[in-house]
Amino acid sequence: MGGVLYVLVMAAVVVASDLLFFRGKTWFWERLAANVGVVLLFGAFYFRFLRSS
């Protein structure tokens, strides 16, 4: 259940940052890079702090 919630929060952050920072802009590569960066940050946080041993 915790993993599903973590993925939902990550998706919400990706969508919110996309809407807040790139509203009205059609820069595909910049939006993609920002979204990939958010996913990488969430992944790094997960593997550093939340992964069970």
C-alpha atoms as a PDB file:
ATOM      1  CA  MET A   1       0.000   0.000   0.000  1.00  0.00           C
ATOM      2  CA  GLY A   2       2.843   2.370   0.788  1.00  0.00           C
ATOM      3  CA  GLY A   3       4.433   1.868  -2.622  1.00  0.00           C
ATOM      4  CA  VAL A   4       1.191   2.677  -4.410  1.00  0.00           C
ATOM      5  CA  LEU A   5       0.795   5.846  -2.358  1.00  0.00           C
ATOM      6  CA  TYR A   6       4.405   6.817  -3.124  1.00  0.00           C
ATOM      7  CA  VAL A   7       3.807   6.417  -6.871  1.00  0.00           C
ATOM      8  CA  LEU A   8       0.570   8.426  -6.665  1.00  0.00           C
ATOM      9  CA  VAL A   9       2.338  11.264  -4.842  1.00  0.00           C
ATOM     10  CA  MET A  10       5.105  11.186  -7.457  1.00  0.00           C
ATOM     11  CA  ALA A  11       2.554  11.370 -10.273  1.00  0.00           C
ATOM     12  CA  ALA A  12       0.798  14.275  -8.543  1.00  0.00           C
ATOM     13  CA  VAL A  13       4.092  16.168  -8.206  1.00  0.00           C
ATOM     14  CA  VAL A  14       4.908  15.568 -11.881  1.00  0.00           C
ATOM     15  CA  VAL A  15       1.503  16.817 -13.029  1.00  0.00           C
ATOM     16  CA  ALA A  16       1.474  19.787 -10.646  1.00  0.00           C
ATOM     17  CA  SER A  17       4.974  20.925 -11.588  1.00  0.00           C
ATOM     18  CA  ASP A  18       4.133  20.501 -15.264  1.00  0.00           C
ATOM     19  CA  LEU A  19       1.042  22.660 -14.914  1.00  0.00           C
ATOM     20  CA  LEU A  20       2.636  25.286 -12.667  1.00  0.00           C
ATOM     21  CA  PHE A  21       5.947  25.822 -14.439  1.00  0.00           C
ATOM     22  CA  PHE A  22       5.166  24.999 -18.053  1.00  0.00           C
ATOM     23  CA  ARG A  23       1.624  26.266 -18.470  1.00  0.00           C
ATOM     24  CA  GLY A  24       1.018  27.489 -21.981  1.00  0.00           C
ATOM     25  CA  LYS A  25       4.429  26.465 -23.244  1.00  0.00           C
ATOM     26  CA  THR A  26       4.917  23.740 -25.800  1.00  0.00           C
ATOM     27  CA  TRP A  27       8.578  22.998 -25.122  1.00  0.00           C
ATOM     28  CA  PHE A  28       8.451  19.214 -25.264  1.00  0.00           C
ATOM     29  CA  TRP A  29      12.061  18.498 -24.358  1.00  0.00           C
ATOM     30  CA  GLU A  30      12.172  20.885 -21.393  1.00  0.00           C
ATOM     31  CA  ARG A  31       8.950  19.447 -19.993  1.00  0.00           C
ATOM     32  CA  LEU A  32      10.228  15.923 -20.507  1.00  0.00           C
ATOM     33  CA  ALA A  33      13.555  16.720 -18.837  1.00  0.00           C
ATOM     34  CA  ALA A  34      11.831  18.262 -15.813  1.00  0.00           C
ATOM     35  CA  ASN A  35       9.475  15.294 -15.456  1.00  0.00           C
ATOM     36  CA  VAL A  36      12.314  12.790 -15.763  1.00  0.00           C
ATOM     37  CA  GLY A  37      14.240  14.786 -13.155  1.00  0.00           C
ATOM     38  CA  VAL A  38      11.341  14.577 -10.709  1.00  0.00           C
ATOM     39  CA  VAL A  39      11.062  10.822 -11.253  1.00  0.00           C
ATOM     40  CA  LEU A  40      14.815  10.408 -10.729  1.00  0.00           C
ATOM     41  CA  LEU A  41      14.670  12.423  -7.493  1.00  0.00           C
ATOM     42  CA  PHE A  42      11.796  10.311  -6.204  1.00  0.00           C
ATOM     43  CA  GLY A  43      13.684   7.159  -7.173  1.00  0.00           C
ATOM     44  CA  ALA A  44      16.863   8.305  -5.438  1.00  0.00           C
ATOM     45  CA  PHE A  45      14.911   9.221  -2.294  1.00  0.00           C
ATOM     46  CA  TYR A  46      13.186   5.836  -2.345  1.00  0.00           C
ATOM     47  CA  PHE A  47      16.400   3.856  -2.710  1.00  0.00           C
ATOM     48  CA  ARG A  48      18.202   5.968  -0.099  1.00  0.00           C
ATOM     49  CA  PHE A  49      15.581   6.189   2.641  1.00  0.00           C
ATOM     50  CA  LEU A  50      12.532   4.000   2.050  1.00  0.00           C
ATOM     51  CA  ARG A  51      13.755   0.722   0.589  1.00  0.00           C
ATOM     52  CA  SER A  52      13.452  -2.113   3.054  1.00  0.00           C
ATOM     53  CA  SER A  53      16.592  -4.087   3.688  1.00  0.00           C
END
